[in-house]
Amino acid sequence: MVERTGEYVEHDDHIPLSGKGDLMKDKLLGISIADFAIAIVDEAETEKHVFQHWTVTGSLEDDTPTPSYLTI
């Protein structure tokens, strides 16, 4: 699970990709759920992007897959 960093980057009116912007070869950048929640609360408080398209990205350095089920 990716841990909360409290840091994120805002993007306006474009899809954030790694690389040179080739939709067929590049990967979408991501963000942890915890950092995404912080970004949403920050936006609700500041209202910086009212009636705008925006997104956020953050660090996924520790993006280690974990099982989504429980084995008993």
C-alpha atoms as a PDB file:
ATOM      1  CA  MET A   1       0.000   0.000   0.000  1.00  0.00           C
ATOM      2  CA  VAL A   2       1.261   3.464  -0.885  1.00  0.00           C
ATOM      3  CA  GLU A   3       1.641   5.638   2.180  1.00  0.00           C
ATOM      4  CA  ARG A   4       0.355   9.187   2.569  1.00  0.00           C
ATOM      5  CA  THR A   5       2.986  11.829   1.778  1.00  0.00           C
ATOM      6  CA  GLY A   6       0.825  14.948   2.045  1.00  0.00           C
ATOM      7  CA  GLU A   7       2.308  16.196  -1.227  1.00  0.00           C
ATOM      8  CA  TYR A   8       0.778  16.312  -4.686  1.00  0.00           C
ATOM      9  CA  VAL A   9       1.033  18.195  -7.982  1.00  0.00           C
ATOM     10  CA  GLU A  10      -2.019  19.855  -9.548  1.00  0.00           C
ATOM     11  CA  HIS A  11      -2.687  19.588 -13.296  1.00  0.00           C
ATOM     12  CA  ASP A  12      -5.196  21.666 -15.273  1.00  0.00           C
ATOM     13  CA  ASP A  13      -6.949  20.601 -18.485  1.00  0.00           C
ATOM     14  CA  HIS A  14      -4.675  17.690 -19.484  1.00  0.00           C
ATOM     15  CA  ILE A  15      -4.050  14.037 -18.712  1.00  0.00           C
ATOM     16  CA  PRO A  16      -0.752  13.682 -16.805  1.00  0.00           C
ATOM     17  CA  LEU A  17       1.448  11.065 -18.493  1.00  0.00           C
ATOM     18  CA  SER A  18       4.982   9.868 -17.971  1.00  0.00           C
ATOM     19  CA  GLY A  19       7.168  10.350 -21.038  1.00  0.00           C
ATOM     20  CA  LYS A  20       6.464  12.504 -24.071  1.00  0.00           C
ATOM     21  CA  GLY A  21       2.678  12.389 -24.162  1.00  0.00           C
ATOM     22  CA  ASP A  22       2.149   9.363 -26.416  1.00  0.00           C
ATOM     23  CA  LEU A  23      -1.141   7.856 -25.209  1.00  0.00           C
ATOM     24  CA  MET A  24      -0.220   4.439 -26.651  1.00  0.00           C
ATOM     25  CA  LYS A  25       3.251   4.148 -25.022  1.00  0.00           C
ATOM     26  CA  ASP A  26       3.254   6.285 -21.879  1.00  0.00           C
ATOM     27  CA  LYS A  27       1.738   5.482 -18.491  1.00  0.00           C
ATOM     28  CA  LEU A  28      -0.760   7.573 -16.579  1.00  0.00           C
ATOM     29  CA  LEU A  29       0.707   9.099 -13.462  1.00  0.00           C
ATOM     30  CA  GLY A  30      -1.035   8.197 -10.225  1.00  0.00           C
ATOM     31  CA  ILE A  31      -1.545   9.169  -6.615  1.00  0.00           C
ATOM     32  CA  SER A  32      -2.231   7.326  -3.377  1.00  0.00           C
ATOM     33  CA  ILE A  33      -5.793   7.336  -2.074  1.00  0.00           C
ATOM     34  CA  ALA A  34      -4.670   9.172   1.083  1.00  0.00           C
ATOM     35  CA  ASP A  35      -2.975  11.969  -0.885  1.00  0.00           C
ATOM     36  CA  PHE A  36      -5.952  12.173  -3.254  1.00  0.00           C
ATOM     37  CA  ALA A  37      -8.242  12.661  -0.254  1.00  0.00           C
ATOM     38  CA  ILE A  38      -6.022  15.498   0.992  1.00  0.00           C
ATOM     39  CA  ALA A  39      -6.154  17.135  -2.449  1.00  0.00           C
ATOM     40  CA  ILE A  40      -9.967  16.974  -2.519  1.00  0.00           C
ATOM     41  CA  VAL A  41     -10.259  18.521   0.946  1.00  0.00           C
ATOM     42  CA  ASP A  42      -7.742  21.237  -0.007  1.00  0.00           C
ATOM     43  CA  GLU A  43      -9.790  22.021  -3.122  1.00  0.00           C
ATOM     44  CA  ALA A  44     -13.029  22.170  -1.128  1.00  0.00           C
ATOM     45  CA  GLU A  45     -11.429  24.641   1.263  1.00  0.00           C
ATOM     46  CA  THR A  46      -9.668  26.872  -1.307  1.00  0.00           C
ATOM     47  CA  GLU A  47     -12.049  26.555  -4.299  1.00  0.00           C
ATOM     48  CA  LYS A  48      -9.105  27.183  -6.677  1.00  0.00           C
ATOM     49  CA  HIS A  49     -10.567  25.151  -9.543  1.00  0.00           C
ATOM     50  CA  VAL A  50     -14.269  26.016  -9.515  1.00  0.00           C
ATOM     51  CA  PHE A  51     -15.837  25.021 -12.868  1.00  0.00           C
ATOM     52  CA  GLN A  52     -12.462  23.769 -14.172  1.00  0.00           C
ATOM     53  CA  HIS A  53     -11.103  20.361 -15.116  1.00  0.00           C
ATOM     54  CA  TRP A  54      -8.238  19.424 -12.821  1.00  0.00           C
ATOM     55  CA  THR A  55      -6.468  16.414 -11.393  1.00  0.00           C
ATOM     56  CA  VAL A  56      -3.580  15.658  -9.065  1.00  0.00           C
ATOM     57  CA  THR A  57      -0.633  13.281  -9.112  1.00  0.00           C
ATOM     58  CA  GLY A  58       1.764  12.197  -6.414  1.00  0.00           C
ATOM     59  CA  SER A  59       4.560   9.821  -5.593  1.00  0.00           C
ATOM     60  CA  LEU A  60       3.940   6.120  -6.116  1.00  0.00           C
ATOM     61  CA  GLU A  61       7.497   5.036  -5.282  1.00  0.00           C
ATOM     62  CA  ASP A  62       6.265   2.382  -2.860  1.00  0.00           C
ATOM     63  CA  ASP A  63       3.573   1.021  -5.178  1.00  0.00           C
ATOM     64  CA  THR A  64       3.954  -2.579  -4.070  1.00  0.00           C
ATOM     65  CA  PRO A  65       0.999  -4.752  -5.078  1.00  0.00           C
ATOM     66  CA  THR A  66      -0.860  -6.276  -2.160  1.00  0.00           C
ATOM     67  CA  PRO A  67      -3.599  -8.916  -2.210  1.00  0.00           C
ATOM     68  CA  SER A  68      -7.121  -7.531  -2.276  1.00  0.00           C
ATOM     69  CA  TYR A  69      -8.539 -10.579  -0.539  1.00  0.00           C
ATOM     70  CA  LEU A  70      -8.062 -12.411   2.741  1.00  0.00           C
ATOM     71  CA  THR A  71      -6.874 -16.007   2.905  1.00  0.00           C
ATOM     72  CA  ILE A  72      -7.982 -17.889   6.016  1.00  0.00           C
END
